[in-house]
Amino acid sequence: MREAYQSDLRHVVEDLVHMASLVENAIRDASTALATGDLALAERVIAADMTIDQRQIDLDEKIVEMLARQSPVATDLRLLVAALRMSSSLERMGDLAEHVALSARRRYPDLVVPEQHREALATMAELVVQGVVDAATVIQERDLALAGLVERRDSDIDAIQSELYRAVTRADDLGTEQVMDLILLGRYYERLGDHAVSLVRRVAFLVTGEAIDAHSPVTDVPEV
């Protein structure tokens, strides 16, 4: 019985890592669709979001059953509680990737991002994807040093988003729709970075048992 329980705990971690992999692919593909105007790729990201949603439902049901049947304590309890919050963050990241893909589909056959702002969005996308990859490693290996890197990288994402916002709101060569698209896209990537930080902070709580800073804007990431 104890071996089965420990196996279930390992599967919870594996499920989180698999969800992170799905999210990584969704962000990567949505960003490619945004940059290239690939409508078919955007449609695949939109359709694939249902898979991420179902993964969260299945994982949460598994965790609730384990909480009810096993009455875990200490580290095991922290793992299951943290996993519930992490699955929610990953599901929301999938939604944000879908929003990026929807932006690409909405403006097709035109490209959403004007040429002068493509580098900024591409850099944000690259940083976010790496953040998800590293967050998955943190979840699997409980690497708190890498968790710190995810947090530092998020500061870079925030800085680019702030500069993008200033640039587009001061521009006189962009239409209203273009300005709104760029502001929203910057917001999506900024939120994705915050969710990656939320993931690694949950792992830090799991490892150390220390309470997460409730006043941090990236502990529980608000809706867009």
Foldseek 3Di string as FASTA:
>chain_A
DVVVLVVLLLVLLVLLLVLLVLLLVLLVLLLVCLVQLPLVSLVVLLVCLVVLVVSLVVSLVSLVVCCVPPVDDALSVLSSVLSNQLSVLSSVSSVLSNVSSVQSNVPPPDRLAPPVCSVLLVVLSVLLSVLSVLLSVCSNPVDLVSLVVLVVSLVVLVVSLVVQLVVLVPDPPDDPSSNVSSNSSSVSSNLSSLSSNLSSVSSVCSVPVDDDDPPDCSVRPDDD
